Amino acid sequence: MFSLLLKFEAYYQLKQRAFPLLAVLFLFLGYFSGSNSFAPANVSFNSAYQIQSFVGLFSLASVFIIMFFVISGILRDAHYKMDALIYSTSVEKTQFFWSRFLGVFAFSVLAFTAFIIGMLLAHSIAPLDPERIASFRYASYLNPWLTVVLPNIFICSSIIFSVAILSNSNVATYVSAVVIYMFYMICAIFLNSPLMAQSVPASPEAMAIAALADPFGISAFFEQTQFWTAFEKNSHLLSFSGLYMWNRLLWLGIAILILLVSYRIFSFRKLNQKVEKVKVYPKDKIEPIAYKTFNPSFDLKSDLAALFSFLKIELNGLIKSLPFIAIMLIWLVLSISEIYSRIFHGGDYSDSLYPLTNLIIINIIDPLKLLGVILIIFYSGELVWRERSLNFNGIIDATPIKNWVLFVSKLMALLLLPAILIGSGIIIGLGFQIASGFFEIDLGRYLAMFYFNGLQLFLFSVLAVFIQSLVKNRYLGMGITGIIIIASFLSPYIGIEHSLLRFGNLPHVDFSPMTGYSKETLKFLHLAIFWIGLAGIMAMISFKLWQRGIGQSLPFQFNSLKKNWKNWERIGLALSLSIFLAAGLTFLYNTHLVNEYFTSDDMLDYREEYERKFKQYESLPQLYSTDIKTTVDLYPEENRYHIKANYLVINREDYPVSRLFISGRIPLKEISLEGAELIEYYPEFDSYLFEFNQPVKPQQEVDFNFEIDYEDSGYEFNQEIIENGTYLSHRSFEPFLGYRASLEISDNFERGERNLPFREEEKVTDSHLEMDDIKVGRVNYETVISTTENEIALSSGNLIKEWKQDGRNYFHFKSDQKILPTIAYFSSSYQIKKQDFKGLSIEQYYFPAHSYNIDSIASSIVATLDYCEKNFGAYPFNQIRIAEIPSHWNFGGFAHPGVISMVEDRLYLTDIRNPDDFNLVAKRTIHEVAHQWWGHILAPKVVEGASIFIEGLAKYTEAVVMEKLYGKKAIYQLSENANRTYFTGRAWATEPESPIYLVSGQGFISYGKNYTVMLALRDLIGEDRLNQALRNITDRFRNDVEFSATSSDFLEEIYRLTPSKFHDLIDDWFRRVITYDLAVANVSHRELDNGKFEIKMTLKAKRFETQANGEANQININEPIQIGVFDRHPSEIGKDAGIIYLEADQIFMDGQELKILVDRLPKFVSIDPFGTRSDENMSNNTVRVN
């Protein structure tokens, strides 16, 4: 009997349309994923790592496959009223239960396996870069099928199947699928999963919890592979061991337990049906009632009453149901987790933010969209098909209720679902703010969520009803709706980029407390009207197709569309069509006529043509600025500016320059070059070719002038010029004097497709440090800035004069010495705070409502200036200015000469009221002030290794000043972050890792390893000696006009002041790629007769060198490393006591034993307690003494 039931299940599922449709869908998704070059740089498209990551990610969608098979496999009996008959047959419970489960499981596996087959096909026949296709390995495809597909589908099938067989409810089955998906999301958010795009990866402890808690095993996969380099990703298979193995076994055990429990509970008897007691009335109490004639009313008032009555019924059926309550609880947990995980201790350094309304909203937008789409897809089928599924449609259809009442009530009920989500999200946000004692609440911003974040969901609701009105199967309608919505989000990956071709596509509108909503609101409005018009058309068609009575064929329904149109229906359709066309034409006008429309392929064509036309000019010499004078008129409220620039440019070559090629960044109104004629102008590229009447001799200067009139047009939005938040940098508009190699297409496969020559990546060696291709130098600078009357303008230099004229504010700035040409202009309605420090003016310019951290910023500036002037020489300017800029800038801060830009939500909105928290405000302020020495006073030559001077020394200064302010716990937190930054960055690096002294553009080294190596160097030679070396090299190069300091100069100065016995170790750190694996393997203690304690520890001490191909080989270790014995954990050691022993001991082997005598029993022992070595797992450096 069991085999017969299995055969029947297989036959039944094969006959269902869901199986071939889902299999084809996942075959396409697999091919799409495998053929679209979605892989980290230098990682093979068919590597085991890449295949496993895709299979794991897409296995999240398996819950919806399983849901459809469960509905057809389990709920069909109740749907066709066959359950009582089947339950009364000779089929045993065991046979029924397990045959149905195996049918669901098997066909879910078969449908999803098509995804892996699709990837295999893509890797075999798709036009991919052959250089990134590795040799075929069966294990690369089989391993994820065995360890991801089978377990994940078994786990999800067990849960969804159990819910369905015990509840016999469609909605409960939907909700179970959603709950599984949302459970993963909650774990990912709360535990900082790598898939959640956190700025900093989770700590090892949090990652371990996530690896076990994640039912799909994705976090366990990332836990094992998070620091794999490209070499490891290409060569290693995922190991079925450690937390990955325990995750799989744990969740398989939970799934089996759930199945067994549901099998135990399940019964053929319908015990869940309640038998209501019939109330009997005594005959003598029944009083006759006289018949009254009922006169029905069919006016608008009665129709509206019926509408609201039906709407109430629909909402009651939804809101009071247990599944909907479960979904709302999920939304509650999800939104609270999102908010808490970022607002409270969720930043780079577990920092918190003030719970401003906008910051609250930012953190719930993504889960709102995700859950809203899922609700719309599932409940659209339930709402539209409710009466038919209950066989009640015949009664409803026979009533005199008008069609529009039935249709609008269901549509309104579906539209109210996302509105309820948004409303509850607002309540949650308000609750967070009030509970935090923060009452600066922006109700308008909350209400705007219904427009900016809810409108797209409302459009999807209309789409869902439209699809359900066309199809004859609710599940087919749900599937088509889901595909269209997913396609709207993913279509740019297959070349469909135009906004009018992606249903419901609306641009993201930035909001900043400083500047309000971005100009994207206009584009949003026009697209919103366009989609509303289309939604109106779909609603009218859906209404006309609304079925009453016996279902008709689709051709018959479409034929009926041509007939019986009432006047108001014609008017509604015509109005919707008019809105649709008018908004569409307006959008096309602004995107294609007012501005030039570019697709991704168009941009590649542009770059290709630029290279083909102008590559010939790459060898032409450049001229360099020596004097910059500008007149800048800012009109922030109109999003426009006017600049007139007068430059002196110099020939720094050893030979005359006869021609000069200039690449414009934006269109120029005028351009002129002294003694030169314009011989070619290329308007499509804003590029110019000048020829000098007389060649410019070496060291000769000539005038270079240009003028710009810039104004946003159409939907163009320049975030640099904006009311109350202008931040305009020279690098965004200044013409480039030469050929821009950065515009070339960098991907060699794409270059090959376009018949462009292969770009060879030149191997960087010491000879590059001597190259003299780029001769940038310091400049004299002067500017006059005008802005609107209610704003203050800023730039580098001394403020010579300020005045008002014609309702505008004018500011004249001039530098009294040559400065770096990294110049910017600021304008905003700033509040100003000034203070004096040793004759130096410290000036803060900030948004008046963001005064929370002003005092902390000031004290951090003072501490940094004091330390740097004492150790590295005098500050060169008369003032230092800190200016706040809006949050749409995606960096923390930028140091211009004497002026520092700081982003509002990265500094001013950080909550540092808890003294035990890491002071991120101080850290970021110290870092940017330090750049006035490292990058300005000492400006390195523009060659490889320059990051030592710029970021390496700024990170070093940041560390030592933070340590003096807050103790060694600050060092620990900085080191922990730097190590995570380094190892995460190298795992996703786009090019082979360089040693520090040759680094160019690899931020994970500049901000990560640079820091730890500088701290290790400080501990090795002492802070005074290191600072003396830095002072010497700063004094040597501080007055150079042309930048000439290189990493070799830095190392030579270090060697000069350092004992020769340390030179080899310093070479290892700076000239080789060295990493460590340090840990305390074992620790014991005993009390001696004299009352002292002997601490005995066994150390894990391994050292590795990474080769050019990315392979890491273990090498010998023999160097001094700090050993610490503490009263408290190193992360908690402030400026007070806590250190019992902290000395550098010579570590020369793995497994080395050490004995240390101390006066009192410690709580912790540690090797390299403050993270001066590049170590993947810093947490096991320290262990508790039992």
Foldseek 3Di string as FASTA:
>chain_A
DLVVLLVVLQVQVVPDPLLVVLLVVLLVVLLLQQQLPPDFFLAASLFLLNLLLVLLVCLLVLLVSLLVLLCSLALPCVLVVNLLVVLPDPDDLVSSLVSSLCSSLVSSLNSNLSSLVSNVVNLVDHPDDPVRRDDDDPCSSVVSSVQFSNLSSLLSSLQLNLQCLVPSDSLSSLLSSVVLSLQQLLLCLLLVAPVVPAPFGGALVSLLVSCQSHQRNSSVSCSQCLQPFSLCSRPDHDDCDDSSVNNSVVSSVVSVVSNVVSSVVGHSDCPVDDDDDDDDDDPVPDDDDDDDDDDDDDDPVVLVVLLVVLLVVLLCVQCVDPSNVSLVVSLLSSLVSQLCCAQQLNHLLRFHFQLAPVSSVVSSLVVLVVSLLSCLLSVLLCLLCVCVSVVNQQVVLPDPRDLVSSLVSSLVNSLCVSVVSLVVSVVSSVVVCVVVVHDPYDVVVSVCCCVQRVLLSSLLNLVLLLLVLQDPDSVVSSVVSVVLQVCLVCVVSVPPDDQVVRQSDADHWDAFPQFGTFLSVVVRVLVSLLSVLVSLLSSLLSSQSRDGDDDDHNVVSVVSVVDDQDPVSVVSNVVSVVSNVVSVVLLCCLQPPFHNHDRPVNLQVVLVVLCVVCVVFQPQAFWEFAAKEKEKEAEQAQQKIKMKIKTKTFAQDQAFHFKWKKFWLDAFPDKDKPQWDWPDADVVRNITMIGGPDTHHHGRIIMIITMDIDGDGRSDGDQQRHAQFHKFWCVNGPIDTTRDPVSHDQDQSVCVVVVHDGDDDDDDDPVQLVDDRDWYFFYWYKYKYKYALQKDKDKDADFPDWDDDPRIIITIGTHPATWHSGIIMTMHNWDWDWDDDPQAIEIETEDVVLCPCVVVLVVLLNLLQVVCCVQANHQDGRYAYEYEHEQVDPDAWAAGQRYIYGYCRNASRTDCPDVQRQRSNSLSSQLRSCQSLQCILQNAAPAFLSLLSRQLVSLQSSLVSSCVVWNLLNLQSLLVSLLSLQSSQSNSDNAFDFFNQGHDPSVSCSSHLSNLQVVVLCQVANPNLLSNLNNVSSVVPRRDRTHNDGSVSSLVSSCVSDPPVCNVVNCCRRHFAKAKAKAFPDWAWDADPVQKMKIKTWMAIWMWTADNVGDIDTDWAWAWWWKWFWQDQSSNGTPDHTTFDIDTDTDTDGRDMDIDITNDHHQKIFTNRSNSGNHNNNPRRMDTHD
